[in-house]
Amino acid sequence: MTEIEETDRFECEVVNIINNLKWKGVMVKEIKSGGNVYFARTDPKRDLKPGDTLYLGVKELPSQMEEMQAEVTLYDKNDEKIDWAFI
């Protein structure tokens, strides 16, 4: 099994945009695994739309955090952080 480094990026595709009151919610699908991650607080000024390619970064959390295993960060093509979520 290959260890995931914090600098590793995984290609994903935007599958849905949800317009909230202040933020945009973005659902992405990781290309290789087909897994989905929802990011609830993305800047509404970003011109994201279904089909756009973004990238995921994963940071493993300490084992004492039993309910959450990793922090997943959403990045654009320039490696700029868009949002993050715990999974």
PDB file of N, CA and C in Angstrom:
ATOM      1  N   MET A   1       0.843  -1.183   0.000  1.00  0.00           N
ATOM      2  CA  MET A   1       0.000   0.000   0.000  1.00  0.00           C
ATOM      3  C   MET A   1       0.885   1.243   0.000  1.00  0.00           C
ATOM      4  N   THR A   2       0.548   2.210  -0.823  1.00  0.00           N
ATOM      5  CA  THR A   2       1.308   3.442  -0.926  1.00  0.00           C
ATOM      6  C   THR A   2       0.810   4.442   0.112  1.00  0.00           C
ATOM      7  N   GLU A   3       1.748   5.089   0.796  1.00  0.00           N
ATOM      8  CA  GLU A   3       1.376   6.100   1.778  1.00  0.00           C
ATOM      9  C   GLU A   3       1.040   7.403   1.061  1.00  0.00           C
ATOM     10  N   ILE A   4       0.010   8.075   1.535  1.00  0.00           N
ATOM     11  CA  ILE A   4      -0.413   9.346   0.952  1.00  0.00           C
ATOM     12  C   ILE A   4       0.308  10.473   1.673  1.00  0.00           C
ATOM     13  N   GLU A   5       0.938  11.338   0.898  1.00  0.00           N
ATOM     14  CA  GLU A   5       1.620  12.514   1.441  1.00  0.00           C
ATOM     15  C   GLU A   5       0.673  13.712   1.366  1.00  0.00           C
ATOM     16  N   GLU A   6       0.874  14.695   2.258  1.00  0.00           N
ATOM     17  CA  GLU A   6       0.028  15.898   2.246  1.00  0.00           C
ATOM     18  C   GLU A   6       0.126  16.663   0.934  1.00  0.00           C
ATOM     19  N   THR A   7       1.238  16.522   0.234  1.00  0.00           N
ATOM     20  CA  THR A   7       1.434  17.242  -1.025  1.00  0.00           C
ATOM     21  C   THR A   7       0.826  16.510  -2.220  1.00  0.00           C
ATOM     22  N   ASP A   8       0.365  15.269  -2.034  1.00  0.00           N
ATOM     23  CA  ASP A   8      -0.275  14.526  -3.118  1.00  0.00           C
ATOM     24  C   ASP A   8      -1.609  15.179  -3.471  1.00  0.00           C
ATOM     25  N   ARG A   9      -1.948  15.164  -4.749  1.00  0.00           N
ATOM     26  CA  ARG A   9      -3.218  15.709  -5.213  1.00  0.00           C
ATOM     27  C   ARG A   9      -3.936  14.639  -6.038  1.00  0.00           C
ATOM     28  N   PHE A  10      -5.257  14.582  -5.870  1.00  0.00           N
ATOM     29  CA  PHE A  10      -6.077  13.605  -6.563  1.00  0.00           C
ATOM     30  C   PHE A  10      -7.115  14.348  -7.393  1.00  0.00           C
ATOM     31  N   GLU A  11      -7.157  14.032  -8.671  1.00  0.00           N
ATOM     32  CA  GLU A  11      -8.061  14.723  -9.586  1.00  0.00           C
ATOM     33  C   GLU A  11      -9.511  14.378  -9.259  1.00  0.00           C
ATOM     34  N   CYS A  12     -10.364  15.394  -9.306  1.00  0.00           N
ATOM     35  CA  CYS A  12     -11.791  15.183  -9.076  1.00  0.00           C
ATOM     36  C   CYS A  12     -12.585  16.077 -10.022  1.00  0.00           C
ATOM     37  N   GLU A  13     -13.859  15.764 -10.139  1.00  0.00           N
ATOM     38  CA  GLU A  13     -14.746  16.513 -11.024  1.00  0.00           C
ATOM     39  C   GLU A  13     -15.911  17.070 -10.210  1.00  0.00           C
ATOM     40  N   VAL A  14     -16.268  18.313 -10.470  1.00  0.00           N
ATOM     41  CA  VAL A  14     -17.436  18.916  -9.825  1.00  0.00           C
ATOM     42  C   VAL A  14     -18.682  18.238 -10.392  1.00  0.00           C
ATOM     43  N   VAL A  15     -19.527  17.693  -9.501  1.00  0.00           N
ATOM     44  CA  VAL A  15     -20.750  17.035  -9.965  1.00  0.00           C
ATOM     45  C   VAL A  15     -22.009  17.826  -9.627  1.00  0.00           C
ATOM     46  N   ASN A  16     -21.927  18.723  -8.634  1.00  0.00           N
ATOM     47  CA  ASN A  16     -23.107  19.503  -8.265  1.00  0.00           C
ATOM     48  C   ASN A  16     -22.691  20.776  -7.536  1.00  0.00           C
ATOM     49  N   ILE A  17     -23.437  21.837  -7.763  1.00  0.00           N
ATOM     50  CA  ILE A  17     -23.251  23.110  -7.060  1.00  0.00           C
ATOM     51  C   ILE A  17     -24.569  23.434  -6.357  1.00  0.00           C
ATOM     52  N   ILE A  18     -24.483  23.757  -5.071  1.00  0.00           N
ATOM     53  CA  ILE A  18     -25.667  24.109  -4.291  1.00  0.00           C
ATOM     54  C   ILE A  18     -25.498  25.542  -3.808  1.00  0.00           C
ATOM     55  N   ASN A  19     -26.402  26.423  -4.215  1.00  0.00           N
ATOM     56  CA  ASN A  19     -26.345  27.824  -3.795  1.00  0.00           C
ATOM     57  C   ASN A  19     -26.995  27.969  -2.427  1.00  0.00           C
ATOM     58  N   ASN A  20     -26.182  28.273  -1.426  1.00  0.00           N
ATOM     59  CA  ASN A  20     -26.671  28.533  -0.076  1.00  0.00           C
ATOM     60  C   ASN A  20     -26.832  30.038   0.090  1.00  0.00           C
ATOM     61  N   LEU A  21     -27.169  30.484   1.281  1.00  0.00           N
ATOM     62  CA  LEU A  21     -27.366  31.917   1.499  1.00  0.00           C
ATOM     63  C   LEU A  21     -26.088  32.720   1.268  1.00  0.00           C
ATOM     64  N   LYS A  22     -24.988  32.291   1.876  1.00  0.00           N
ATOM     65  CA  LYS A  22     -23.745  33.056   1.793  1.00  0.00           C
ATOM     66  C   LYS A  22     -22.663  32.347   0.982  1.00  0.00           C
ATOM     67  N   TRP A  23     -22.715  31.027   0.926  1.00  0.00           N
ATOM     68  CA  TRP A  23     -21.665  30.223   0.298  1.00  0.00           C
ATOM     69  C   TRP A  23     -22.248  29.383  -0.831  1.00  0.00           C
ATOM     70  N   LYS A  24     -21.348  28.745  -1.579  1.00  0.00           N
ATOM     71  CA  LYS A  24     -21.754  27.723  -2.537  1.00  0.00           C
ATOM     72  C   LYS A  24     -21.276  26.378  -2.007  1.00  0.00           C
ATOM     73  N   GLY A  25     -22.157  25.403  -2.027  1.00  0.00           N
ATOM     74  CA  GLY A  25     -21.773  24.036  -1.697  1.00  0.00           C
ATOM     75  C   GLY A  25     -21.322  23.343  -2.967  1.00  0.00           C
ATOM     76  N   VAL A  26     -20.228  22.589  -2.881  1.00  0.00           N
ATOM     77  CA  VAL A  26     -19.683  21.917  -4.058  1.00  0.00           C
ATOM     78  C   VAL A  26     -19.513  20.430  -3.760  1.00  0.00           C
ATOM     79  N   MET A  27     -20.148  19.587  -4.578  1.00  0.00           N
ATOM     80  CA  MET A  27     -19.974  18.139  -4.486  1.00  0.00           C
ATOM     81  C   MET A  27     -19.014  17.728  -5.589  1.00  0.00           C
ATOM     82  N   VAL A  28     -17.938  17.018  -5.199  1.00  0.00           N
ATOM     83  CA  VAL A  28     -16.974  16.547  -6.188  1.00  0.00           C
ATOM     84  C   VAL A  28     -16.886  15.028  -6.131  1.00  0.00           C
ATOM     85  N   LYS A  29     -16.491  14.434  -7.255  1.00  0.00           N
ATOM     86  CA  LYS A  29     -16.277  12.988  -7.346  1.00  0.00           C
ATOM     87  C   LYS A  29     -14.817  12.754  -7.696  1.00  0.00           C
ATOM     88  N   GLU A  30     -14.129  11.983  -6.849  1.00  0.00           N
ATOM     89  CA  GLU A  30     -12.732  11.632  -7.113  1.00  0.00           C
ATOM     90  C   GLU A  30     -12.715  10.673  -8.297  1.00  0.00           C
ATOM     91  N   ILE A  31     -11.867  10.945  -9.270  1.00  0.00           N
ATOM     92  CA  ILE A  31     -11.890  10.236 -10.551  1.00  0.00           C
ATOM     93  C   ILE A  31     -11.616   8.738 -10.402  1.00  0.00           C
ATOM     94  N   LYS A  32     -10.536   8.357  -9.742  1.00  0.00           N
ATOM     95  CA  LYS A  32     -10.143   6.942  -9.686  1.00  0.00           C
ATOM     96  C   LYS A  32     -11.051   6.094  -8.808  1.00  0.00           C
ATOM     97  N   SER A  33     -11.413   6.597  -7.620  1.00  0.00           N
ATOM     98  CA  SER A  33     -12.207   5.787  -6.683  1.00  0.00           C
ATOM     99  C   SER A  33     -13.706   5.940  -6.900  1.00  0.00           C
ATOM    100  N   GLY A  34     -14.121   7.069  -7.471  1.00  0.00           N
ATOM    101  CA  GLY A  34     -15.542   7.340  -7.633  1.00  0.00           C
ATOM    102  C   GLY A  34     -16.200   7.859  -6.363  1.00  0.00           C
ATOM    103  N   GLY A  35     -15.396   8.099  -5.311  1.00  0.00           N
ATOM    104  CA  GLY A  35     -15.930   8.602  -4.046  1.00  0.00           C
ATOM    105  C   GLY A  35     -16.300  10.069  -4.130  1.00  0.00           C
ATOM    106  N   ASN A  36     -17.345  10.448  -3.392  1.00  0.00           N
ATOM    107  CA  ASN A  36     -17.821  11.832  -3.372  1.00  0.00           C
ATOM    108  C   ASN A  36     -17.433  12.528  -2.076  1.00  0.00           C
ATOM    109  N   VAL A  37     -17.160  13.823  -2.173  1.00  0.00           N
ATOM    110  CA  VAL A  37     -16.918  14.666  -1.004  1.00  0.00           C
ATOM    111  C   VAL A  37     -17.686  15.965  -1.219  1.00  0.00           C
ATOM    112  N   TYR A  38     -18.357  16.426  -0.149  1.00  0.00           N
ATOM    113  CA  TYR A  38     -19.118  17.674  -0.208  1.00  0.00           C
ATOM    114  C   TYR A  38     -18.377  18.749   0.573  1.00  0.00           C
ATOM    115  N   PHE A  39     -18.192  19.894  -0.057  1.00  0.00           N
ATOM    116  CA  PHE A  39     -17.569  21.061   0.567  1.00  0.00           C
ATOM    117  C   PHE A  39     -18.642  22.140   0.672  1.00  0.00           C
ATOM    118  N   ALA A  40     -18.970  22.539   1.897  1.00  0.00           N
ATOM    119  CA  ALA A  40     -20.137  23.393   2.135  1.00  0.00           C
ATOM    120  C   ALA A  40     -19.876  24.885   2.013  1.00  0.00           C
ATOM    121  N   ARG A  41     -18.610  25.307   2.120  1.00  0.00           N
ATOM    122  CA  ARG A  41     -18.359  26.757   2.198  1.00  0.00           C
ATOM    123  C   ARG A  41     -17.325  27.215   1.171  1.00  0.00           C
ATOM    124  N   THR A  42     -17.700  27.178  -0.087  1.00  0.00           N
ATOM    125  CA  THR A  42     -16.806  27.712  -1.108  1.00  0.00           C
ATOM    126  C   THR A  42     -17.252  29.128  -1.459  1.00  0.00           C
ATOM    127  N   ASP A  43     -16.302  29.940  -1.845  1.00  0.00           N
ATOM    128  CA  ASP A  43     -16.558  31.343  -2.176  1.00  0.00           C
ATOM    129  C   ASP A  43     -17.502  31.424  -3.378  1.00  0.00           C
ATOM    130  N   PRO A  44     -18.629  32.114  -3.235  1.00  0.00           N
ATOM    131  CA  PRO A  44     -19.573  32.208  -4.353  1.00  0.00           C
ATOM    132  C   PRO A  44     -19.019  32.979  -5.550  1.00  0.00           C
ATOM    133  N   LYS A  45     -17.930  33.711  -5.374  1.00  0.00           N
ATOM    134  CA  LYS A  45     -17.326  34.453  -6.482  1.00  0.00           C
ATOM    135  C   LYS A  45     -16.559  33.537  -7.435  1.00  0.00           C
ATOM    136  N   ARG A  46     -16.231  32.328  -6.973  1.00  0.00           N
ATOM    137  CA  ARG A  46     -15.552  31.370  -7.863  1.00  0.00           C
ATOM    138  C   ARG A  46     -16.544  30.895  -8.917  1.00  0.00           C
ATOM    139  N   ASP A  47     -16.082  30.820 -10.135  1.00  0.00           N
ATOM    140  CA  ASP A  47     -16.946  30.408 -11.243  1.00  0.00           C
ATOM    141  C   ASP A  47     -16.857  28.893 -11.426  1.00  0.00           C
ATOM    142  N   LEU A  48     -17.327  28.143 -10.431  1.00  0.00           N
ATOM    143  CA  LEU A  48     -17.299  26.686 -10.515  1.00  0.00           C
ATOM    144  C   LEU A  48     -18.603  26.190 -11.111  1.00  0.00           C
ATOM    145  N   LYS A  49     -18.488  25.133 -11.933  1.00  0.00           N
ATOM    146  CA  LYS A  49     -19.681  24.547 -12.533  1.00  0.00           C
ATOM    147  C   LYS A  49     -19.474  23.045 -12.695  1.00  0.00           C
ATOM    148  N   PRO A  50     -20.568  22.276 -12.779  1.00  0.00           N
ATOM    149  CA  PRO A  50     -20.432  20.832 -12.974  1.00  0.00           C
ATOM    150  C   PRO A  50     -19.553  20.521 -14.187  1.00  0.00           C
ATOM    151  N   GLY A  51     -18.671  19.535 -13.996  1.00  0.00           N
ATOM    152  CA  GLY A  51     -17.738  19.149 -15.051  1.00  0.00           C
ATOM    153  C   GLY A  51     -16.354  19.738 -14.878  1.00  0.00           C
ATOM    154  N   ASP A  52     -16.215  20.786 -14.051  1.00  0.00           N
ATOM    155  CA  ASP A  52     -14.898  21.390 -13.804  1.00  0.00           C
ATOM    156  C   ASP A  52     -13.977  20.393 -13.110  1.00  0.00           C
ATOM    157  N   THR A  53     -12.694  20.471 -13.412  1.00  0.00           N
ATOM    158  CA  THR A  53     -11.690  19.633 -12.769  1.00  0.00           C
ATOM    159  C   THR A  53     -11.045  20.394 -11.620  1.00  0.00           C
ATOM    160  N   LEU A  54     -11.037  19.768 -10.442  1.00  0.00           N
ATOM    161  CA  LEU A  54     -10.372  20.303  -9.261  1.00  0.00           C
ATOM    162  C   LEU A  54      -9.503  19.197  -8.685  1.00  0.00           C
ATOM    163  N   TYR A  55      -8.889  19.449  -7.541  1.00  0.00           N
ATOM    164  CA  TYR A  55      -7.958  18.483  -6.965  1.00  0.00           C
ATOM    165  C   TYR A  55      -8.175  18.371  -5.464  1.00  0.00           C
ATOM    166  N   LEU A  56      -8.001  17.159  -4.946  1.00  0.00           N
ATOM    167  CA  LEU A  56      -8.139  16.890  -3.521  1.00  0.00           C
ATOM    168  C   LEU A  56      -6.779  16.627  -2.908  1.00  0.00           C
ATOM    169  N   GLY A  57      -6.581  17.146  -1.708  1.00  0.00           N
ATOM    170  CA  GLY A  57      -5.427  16.814  -0.885  1.00  0.00           C
ATOM    171  C   GLY A  57      -5.947  16.156   0.379  1.00  0.00           C
ATOM    172  N   VAL A  58      -5.192  15.197   0.929  1.00  0.00           N
ATOM    173  CA  VAL A  58      -5.646  14.453   2.103  1.00  0.00           C
ATOM    174  C   VAL A  58      -4.585  14.510   3.180  1.00  0.00           C
ATOM    175  N   LYS A  59      -5.029  14.818   4.397  1.00  0.00           N
ATOM    176  CA  LYS A  59      -4.134  14.842   5.554  1.00  0.00           C
ATOM    177  C   LYS A  59      -4.727  13.919   6.612  1.00  0.00           C
ATOM    178  N   GLU A  60      -3.979  12.882   6.970  1.00  0.00           N
ATOM    179  CA  GLU A  60      -4.447  11.947   7.993  1.00  0.00           C
ATOM    180  C   GLU A  60      -4.481  12.645   9.348  1.00  0.00           C
ATOM    181  N   LEU A  61      -5.540  12.385  10.119  1.00  0.00           N
ATOM    182  CA  LEU A  61      -5.692  12.982  11.445  1.00  0.00           C
ATOM    183  C   LEU A  61      -5.148  12.039  12.513  1.00  0.00           C
ATOM    184  N   PRO A  62      -4.785  12.567  13.678  1.00  0.00           N
ATOM    185  CA  PRO A  62      -4.294  11.714  14.767  1.00  0.00           C
ATOM    186  C   PRO A  62      -5.320  10.634  15.120  1.00  0.00           C
ATOM    187  N   SER A  63      -4.840   9.481  15.514  1.00  0.00           N
ATOM    188  CA  SER A  63      -5.718   8.335  15.768  1.00  0.00           C
ATOM    189  C   SER A  63      -6.708   8.568  16.906  1.00  0.00           C
ATOM    190  N   GLN A  64      -6.448   9.519  17.798  1.00  0.00           N
ATOM    191  CA  GLN A  64      -7.383   9.763  18.894  1.00  0.00           C
ATOM    192  C   GLN A  64      -8.679  10.423  18.429  1.00  0.00           C
ATOM    193  N   MET A  65      -8.719  10.890  17.193  1.00  0.00           N
ATOM    194  CA  MET A  65      -9.949  11.466  16.636  1.00  0.00           C
ATOM    195  C   MET A  65     -10.710  10.346  15.928  1.00  0.00           C
ATOM    196  N   GLU A  66     -11.400   9.520  16.706  1.00  0.00           N
ATOM    197  CA  GLU A  66     -12.019   8.297  16.206  1.00  0.00           C
ATOM    198  C   GLU A  66     -13.088   8.529  15.139  1.00  0.00           C
ATOM    199  N   GLU A  67     -13.872   9.583  15.277  1.00  0.00           N
ATOM    200  CA  GLU A  67     -14.980   9.798  14.350  1.00  0.00           C
ATOM    201  C   GLU A  67     -14.535  10.358  13.005  1.00  0.00           C
ATOM    202  N   MET A  68     -13.376  11.002  12.969  1.00  0.00           N
ATOM    203  CA  MET A  68     -12.878  11.597  11.732  1.00  0.00           C
ATOM    204  C   MET A  68     -11.494  11.025  11.440  1.00  0.00           C
ATOM    205  N   GLN A  69     -11.283  10.604  10.205  1.00  0.00           N
ATOM    206  CA  GLN A  69     -10.021   9.972   9.848  1.00  0.00           C
ATOM    207  C   GLN A  69      -9.076  10.883   9.082  1.00  0.00           C
ATOM    208  N   ALA A  70      -9.640  11.855   8.350  1.00  0.00           N
ATOM    209  CA  ALA A  70      -8.777  12.682   7.503  1.00  0.00           C
ATOM    210  C   ALA A  70      -9.393  14.056   7.267  1.00  0.00           C
ATOM    211  N   GLU A  71      -8.511  15.004   6.987  1.00  0.00           N
ATOM    212  CA  GLU A  71      -8.931  16.323   6.523  1.00  0.00           C
ATOM    213  C   GLU A  71      -8.709  16.329   5.017  1.00  0.00           C
ATOM    214  N   VAL A  72      -9.764  16.605   4.270  1.00  0.00           N
ATOM    215  CA  VAL A  72      -9.688  16.637   2.811  1.00  0.00           C
ATOM    216  C   VAL A  72      -9.805  18.090   2.377  1.00  0.00           C
ATOM    217  N   THR A  73      -8.851  18.534   1.560  1.00  0.00           N
ATOM    218  CA  THR A  73      -8.824  19.918   1.101  1.00  0.00           C
ATOM    219  C   THR A  73      -9.061  19.954  -0.401  1.00  0.00           C
ATOM    220  N   LEU A  74      -9.871  20.902  -0.830  1.00  0.00           N
ATOM    221  CA  LEU A  74     -10.180  21.094  -2.244  1.00  0.00           C
ATOM    222  C   LEU A  74      -9.296  22.203  -2.793  1.00  0.00           C
ATOM    223  N   TYR A  75      -8.622  21.922  -3.913  1.00  0.00           N
ATOM    224  CA  TYR A  75      -7.701  22.872  -4.544  1.00  0.00           C
ATOM    225  C   TYR A  75      -8.093  23.105  -6.000  1.00  0.00           C
ATOM    226  N   ASP A  76      -7.720  24.280  -6.518  1.00  0.00           N
ATOM    227  CA  ASP A  76      -7.892  24.538  -7.944  1.00  0.00           C
ATOM    228  C   ASP A  76      -6.634  24.094  -8.692  1.00  0.00           C
ATOM    229  N   LYS A  77      -6.594  24.341  -9.999  1.00  0.00           N
ATOM    230  CA  LYS A  77      -5.459  23.894 -10.816  1.00  0.00           C
ATOM    231  C   LYS A  77      -4.152  24.592 -10.455  1.00  0.00           C
ATOM    232  N   ASN A  78      -4.240  25.745  -9.779  1.00  0.00           N
ATOM    233  CA  ASN A  78      -3.042  26.481  -9.354  1.00  0.00           C
ATOM    234  C   ASN A  78      -2.625  26.136  -7.930  1.00  0.00           C
ATOM    235  N   ASP A  79      -3.203  25.070  -7.378  1.00  0.00           N
ATOM    236  CA  ASP A  79      -2.927  24.596  -6.022  1.00  0.00           C
ATOM    237  C   ASP A  79      -3.363  25.607  -4.960  1.00  0.00           C
ATOM    238  N   GLU A  80      -4.363  26.418  -5.295  1.00  0.00           N
ATOM    239  CA  GLU A  80      -4.938  27.376  -4.342  1.00  0.00           C
ATOM    240  C   GLU A  80      -6.064  26.686  -3.572  1.00  0.00           C
ATOM    241  N   LYS A  81      -6.026  26.806  -2.253  1.00  0.00           N
ATOM    242  CA  LYS A  81      -7.018  26.165  -1.394  1.00  0.00           C
ATOM    243  C   LYS A  81      -8.386  26.813  -1.587  1.00  0.00           C
ATOM    244  N   ILE A  82      -9.402  25.972  -1.811  1.00  0.00           N
ATOM    245  CA  ILE A  82     -10.769  26.446  -2.003  1.00  0.00           C
ATOM    246  C   ILE A  82     -11.596  26.230  -0.736  1.00  0.00           C
ATOM    247  N   ASP A  83     -11.529  25.034  -0.163  1.00  0.00           N
ATOM    248  CA  ASP A  83     -12.288  24.689   1.043  1.00  0.00           C
ATOM    249  C   ASP A  83     -11.712  23.396   1.604  1.00  0.00           C
ATOM    250  N   TRP A  84     -12.202  22.994   2.769  1.00  0.00           N
ATOM    251  CA  TRP A  84     -11.751  21.750   3.390  1.00  0.00           C
ATOM    252  C   TRP A  84     -12.920  21.109   4.127  1.00  0.00           C
ATOM    253  N   ALA A  85     -12.781  19.805   4.403  1.00  0.00           N
ATOM    254  CA  ALA A  85     -13.809  19.060   5.135  1.00  0.00           C
ATOM    255  C   ALA A  85     -13.141  17.908   5.874  1.00  0.00           C
ATOM    256  N   PHE A  86     -13.753  17.489   6.976  1.00  0.00           N
ATOM    257  CA  PHE A  86     -13.303  16.288   7.678  1.00  0.00           C
ATOM    258  C   PHE A  86     -14.117  15.104   7.180  1.00  0.00           C
ATOM    259  N   ILE A  87     -13.452  13.959   7.033  1.00  0.00           N
ATOM    260  CA  ILE A  87     -14.180  12.729   6.698  1.00  0.00           C
ATOM    261  C   ILE A  87     -13.806  11.654   7.689  1.00  0.00           C
TER     262      ILE A  87
END
